[in-house]
């Protein structure tokens, strides 16, 4: 399935999730995951989304939503003016501070992530979601692991030897750290920047995902439904 078809299918499923919730019901929160390269944040996010019945929005999905105006508009279909106003105001406020980069593309990324956060029932991995969404609407999670774990996983996933995996992890670490620092004025590896930090090198993917589900439901009663 092409990326375009995947996004169209994912957005359609997400709209149906939102349409099943009565307007008077409380907001179902999001999960926003920041992760170090090779730590498996995407896998943890997938498992958590499956357990919660949420949509999973990875980095490439958020990027494509930011590029395609028709998809961005589809995500706010049927919402009242209060929610639209919250989205617009949050994006405007974000770019009024020095913590956010000011390029147009990044503005659309923030808008896409904020839309998902305001509507709920989504797990968003990467693209600064854990630094964009406020703690009132999302559980912000840092997924990390020892470097040796991350290098070994990278080598296995990409079919390269350890030396090349070491080089790739070093380069990707620097790129992601700079992205978060430049756009959000935060440290990617700072556990205090998020609500929950998980070491999958010790916990494993399934236990980490279970911890996310448990903490989300304890913190947000609406997530228990």
Protein backbone atom coordinates (compact mmCIF):
# COMPACT_ATOMS: atom_id res chain seq x y z
CA UNK A 1 0.00 0.00 0.00
CA UNK A 2 1.35 3.42 -0.96
CA UNK A 3 1.88 6.11 1.66
CA UNK A 4 -0.97 8.16 0.18
CA UNK A 5 -3.41 5.26 0.47
CA UNK A 6 -2.17 4.46 3.97
CA UNK A 7 -2.80 8.02 5.10
CA UNK A 8 -6.24 8.17 3.50
CA UNK A 9 -7.17 4.89 5.19
CA UNK A 10 -5.74 5.97 8.56
CA UNK A 11 -7.55 9.32 8.48
CA UNK A 12 -10.83 7.61 7.53
CA UNK A 13 -10.47 5.19 10.44
CA UNK A 14 -9.58 8.03 12.79
CA UNK A 15 -12.62 10.05 11.73
CA UNK A 16 -14.82 7.05 12.48
CA UNK A 17 -13.24 6.76 15.93
CA UNK A 18 -14.05 10.39 16.65
CA UNK A 19 -17.57 10.08 15.26
CA UNK A 20 -18.38 7.27 17.71
CA UNK A 21 -17.88 9.59 20.68
CA UNK A 22 -20.87 11.63 21.73
CA UNK A 23 -20.25 15.37 21.85
CA UNK A 24 -20.95 15.51 25.58
CA UNK A 25 -18.32 12.89 26.42
CA UNK A 26 -14.96 14.06 27.77
CA UNK A 27 -11.95 14.25 25.47
CA UNK A 28 -10.12 10.98 24.98
CA UNK A 29 -6.45 11.88 25.50
CA UNK A 30 -3.52 11.25 23.16
CA UNK A 31 -0.19 9.56 23.70
CA UNK A 32 2.79 11.55 22.38
CA UNK A 33 6.06 9.63 22.12
CA UNK A 34 9.57 11.02 21.86
CA UNK A 35 12.23 8.38 21.24
CA UNK A 36 15.94 8.01 20.76
CA UNK A 37 17.02 6.41 17.46
CA UNK A 38 16.93 2.62 17.60
CA UNK A 39 15.06 2.53 20.90
CA UNK A 40 11.87 1.19 19.37
CA UNK A 41 9.48 4.04 20.08
CA UNK A 42 7.61 3.19 16.91
CA UNK A 43 7.08 -0.41 18.06
CA UNK A 44 6.05 0.65 21.57
CA UNK A 45 3.66 3.15 20.03
CA UNK A 46 2.13 0.49 17.77
CA UNK A 47 1.53 -1.87 20.69
CA UNK A 48 0.03 0.89 22.83
CA UNK A 49 -2.25 2.03 20.00
CA UNK A 50 -3.50 -1.52 19.47
CA UNK A 51 -4.22 -1.98 23.18
CA UNK A 52 -6.09 1.33 23.38
CA UNK A 53 -7.90 1.09 20.05
CA UNK A 54 -6.23 4.36 18.99
CA UNK A 55 -4.89 5.48 15.63
CA UNK A 56 -1.11 5.40 15.19
CA UNK A 57 0.51 8.44 13.59
CA UNK A 58 4.22 8.09 12.94
CA UNK A 59 6.70 10.68 11.75
CA UNK A 60 6.14 10.09 8.03
CA UNK A 61 2.36 10.24 8.48
CA UNK A 62 2.54 13.58 10.30
CA UNK A 63 4.88 14.91 7.61
CA UNK A 64 2.45 13.97 4.85
CA UNK A 65 -0.53 15.47 6.68
CA UNK A 66 1.45 18.70 7.01
CA UNK A 67 2.07 18.71 3.25
CA UNK A 68 -1.49 17.92 2.18
CA UNK A 69 -3.94 20.68 3.04
CA UNK A 70 -6.96 18.53 2.15
CA UNK A 71 -5.95 15.93 4.76
CA UNK A 72 -5.42 18.62 7.40
CA UNK A 73 -8.91 19.95 6.72
CA UNK A 74 -10.36 16.45 6.83
CA UNK A 75 -9.00 15.97 10.35
CA UNK A 76 -11.08 18.88 11.67
CA UNK A 77 -14.22 17.80 9.84
CA UNK A 78 -17.27 18.05 12.04
CA UNK A 79 -15.60 19.76 15.00
CA UNK A 80 -17.22 22.80 16.54
CA UNK A 81 -15.77 26.30 16.44
CA UNK A 82 -14.49 26.00 20.00
CA UNK A 83 -12.11 23.18 19.05
CA UNK A 84 -11.05 24.93 15.84
CA UNK A 85 -10.37 28.06 17.87
CA UNK A 86 -8.29 26.10 20.38
CA UNK A 87 -6.20 24.61 17.58
CA UNK A 88 -5.64 27.95 15.87
CA UNK A 89 -4.88 29.74 19.13
CA UNK A 90 -2.43 27.07 20.30
CA UNK A 91 -0.54 27.19 17.00
CA UNK A 92 -0.44 30.99 17.09
CA UNK A 93 0.72 31.03 20.71
CA UNK A 94 3.36 28.41 19.99
CA UNK A 95 4.91 30.46 17.23
CA UNK A 96 4.74 33.59 19.34
CA UNK A 97 7.40 32.07 21.58
CA UNK A 98 11.04 31.42 20.85
CA UNK A 99 10.63 27.75 21.68
CA UNK A 100 9.24 26.97 18.23
CA UNK A 101 10.87 27.32 14.84
CA UNK A 102 9.13 29.73 12.52
CA UNK A 103 9.18 28.08 9.08
CA UNK A 104 5.84 27.47 7.37
CA UNK A 105 6.31 23.72 7.10
CA UNK A 106 6.98 23.32 10.81
CA UNK A 107 3.89 25.41 11.50
CA UNK A 108 1.82 22.85 9.58
CA UNK A 109 3.44 19.99 11.53
CA UNK A 110 2.45 21.72 14.77
CA UNK A 111 -1.06 22.26 13.43
CA UNK A 112 -1.43 18.58 12.47
CA UNK A 113 -0.17 17.34 15.85
CA UNK A 114 -2.28 19.88 17.74
CA UNK A 115 -5.38 18.81 15.81
CA UNK A 116 -4.81 15.19 16.81
CA UNK A 117 -4.23 16.30 20.40
CA UNK A 118 -7.44 18.32 20.56
CA UNK A 119 -9.52 15.51 19.08
CA UNK A 120 -7.83 12.66 20.96
CA UNK A 121 -7.65 8.88 20.57
CA UNK A 122 -4.29 8.88 18.78
CA UNK A 123 -0.74 7.78 19.47
CA UNK A 124 1.70 10.19 17.82
CA UNK A 125 5.33 9.09 17.51
CA UNK A 126 8.08 11.60 16.80
CA UNK A 127 7.97 14.99 15.06
CA UNK A 128 8.17 16.71 18.45
CA UNK A 129 4.66 15.64 19.49
CA UNK A 130 5.77 15.16 23.10
CA UNK A 131 7.01 18.77 23.10
CA UNK A 132 4.00 20.19 21.23
CA UNK A 133 1.03 18.70 23.08
CA UNK A 134 0.26 20.01 26.58
CA UNK A 135 -0.03 17.66 29.57
CA UNK A 136 -3.75 18.47 29.82
CA UNK A 137 -4.53 16.56 26.60
CA UNK A 138 -1.74 14.00 26.24
CA UNK A 139 0.48 11.58 28.06
CA UNK A 140 3.97 12.58 26.94
CA UNK A 141 6.37 9.64 26.88
CA UNK A 142 10.11 9.29 26.33
CA UNK A 143 11.17 5.87 25.02
CA UNK A 144 14.87 5.25 25.46
CA UNK A 145 17.41 2.43 25.75
CA UNK A 146 21.15 1.94 26.28
CA UNK A 147 23.28 2.78 23.27
CA UNK A 148 24.38 -0.85 22.87
CA UNK A 149 20.73 -1.91 22.62
CA UNK A 150 19.99 0.80 20.06
CA UNK A 151 23.02 -0.02 17.93
CA UNK A 152 22.20 -3.75 17.89
CA UNK A 153 18.57 -3.07 16.96
CA UNK A 154 19.57 -0.64 14.21
CA UNK A 155 22.01 -3.16 12.74
CA UNK A 156 19.31 -5.85 12.69
CA UNK A 157 16.59 -3.63 11.22
CA UNK A 158 18.78 -2.15 8.50
CA UNK A 159 20.93 -5.19 7.74
CA UNK A 160 24.26 -3.50 8.46
CA UNK A 161 27.24 -4.42 10.60
CA UNK A 162 27.86 -2.92 14.03
CA UNK A 163 30.36 -0.33 12.81
CA UNK A 164 27.87 1.12 10.33
CA UNK A 165 25.12 0.95 12.90
CA UNK A 166 27.31 2.90 15.34
CA UNK A 167 27.88 5.60 12.72
CA UNK A 168 24.18 5.76 11.86
CA UNK A 169 23.10 6.04 15.49
CA UNK A 170 25.64 8.80 16.14
CA UNK A 171 24.43 10.78 13.12
CA UNK A 172 20.74 10.22 13.84
CA UNK A 173 21.19 11.12 17.52
CA UNK A 174 22.77 14.43 16.52
CA UNK A 175 20.04 15.16 13.96
CA UNK A 176 17.13 14.48 16.32
CA UNK A 177 18.72 16.30 19.25
CA UNK A 178 19.27 19.35 17.06
CA UNK A 179 15.70 19.17 15.69
CA UNK A 180 14.18 19.21 19.17
CA UNK A 181 16.59 21.87 20.44
CA UNK A 182 16.03 24.15 17.43
CA UNK A 183 12.25 23.89 17.25
CA UNK A 184 11.27 23.42 20.87
CA UNK A 185 14.17 24.62 22.97
CA UNK A 186 14.27 21.27 24.77
CA UNK A 187 16.55 18.25 25.17
CA UNK A 188 15.35 15.09 23.47
CA UNK A 189 16.90 12.86 26.14
CA UNK A 190 15.62 14.86 29.13
CA UNK A 191 13.24 12.60 31.11
CA UNK A 192 11.82 15.63 32.92
CA UNK A 193 10.57 17.08 29.63
CA UNK A 194 8.00 14.27 29.47
CA UNK A 195 5.55 12.70 31.91
CA UNK A 196 6.84 9.13 31.64
CA UNK A 197 10.30 7.79 30.69
CA UNK A 198 10.65 4.14 29.70
CA UNK A 199 13.87 2.14 29.25
CA UNK A 200 12.95 -0.61 26.79
CA UNK A 201 16.39 -2.14 27.22
CA UNK A 202 15.14 -3.30 30.61
CA UNK A 203 11.37 -3.39 30.16
CA UNK A 204 11.01 -4.67 26.62
CA UNK A 205 8.46 -3.35 24.13
CA UNK A 206 5.34 -5.06 25.45
CA UNK A 207 5.87 -4.08 29.07
CA UNK A 208 6.67 -0.51 28.03
CA UNK A 209 3.44 -0.35 26.01
CA UNK A 210 1.47 -1.81 28.92
CA UNK A 211 2.95 0.83 31.21
CA UNK A 212 1.76 3.56 28.84
CA UNK A 213 -1.76 2.15 28.78
CA UNK A 214 -1.87 1.82 32.57
CA UNK A 215 -0.54 5.32 33.28
CA UNK A 216 -2.80 6.88 30.64
CA UNK A 217 -5.89 5.27 32.18
CA UNK A 218 -4.87 6.25 35.70
CA UNK A 219 -4.20 9.85 34.74
CA UNK A 220 -7.12 10.36 32.37
CA UNK A 221 -10.37 8.67 33.48
CA UNK A 222 -11.83 9.18 29.98
CA UNK A 223 -9.23 6.77 28.60
CA UNK A 224 -10.74 3.90 30.60
CA UNK A 225 -13.79 3.76 28.31
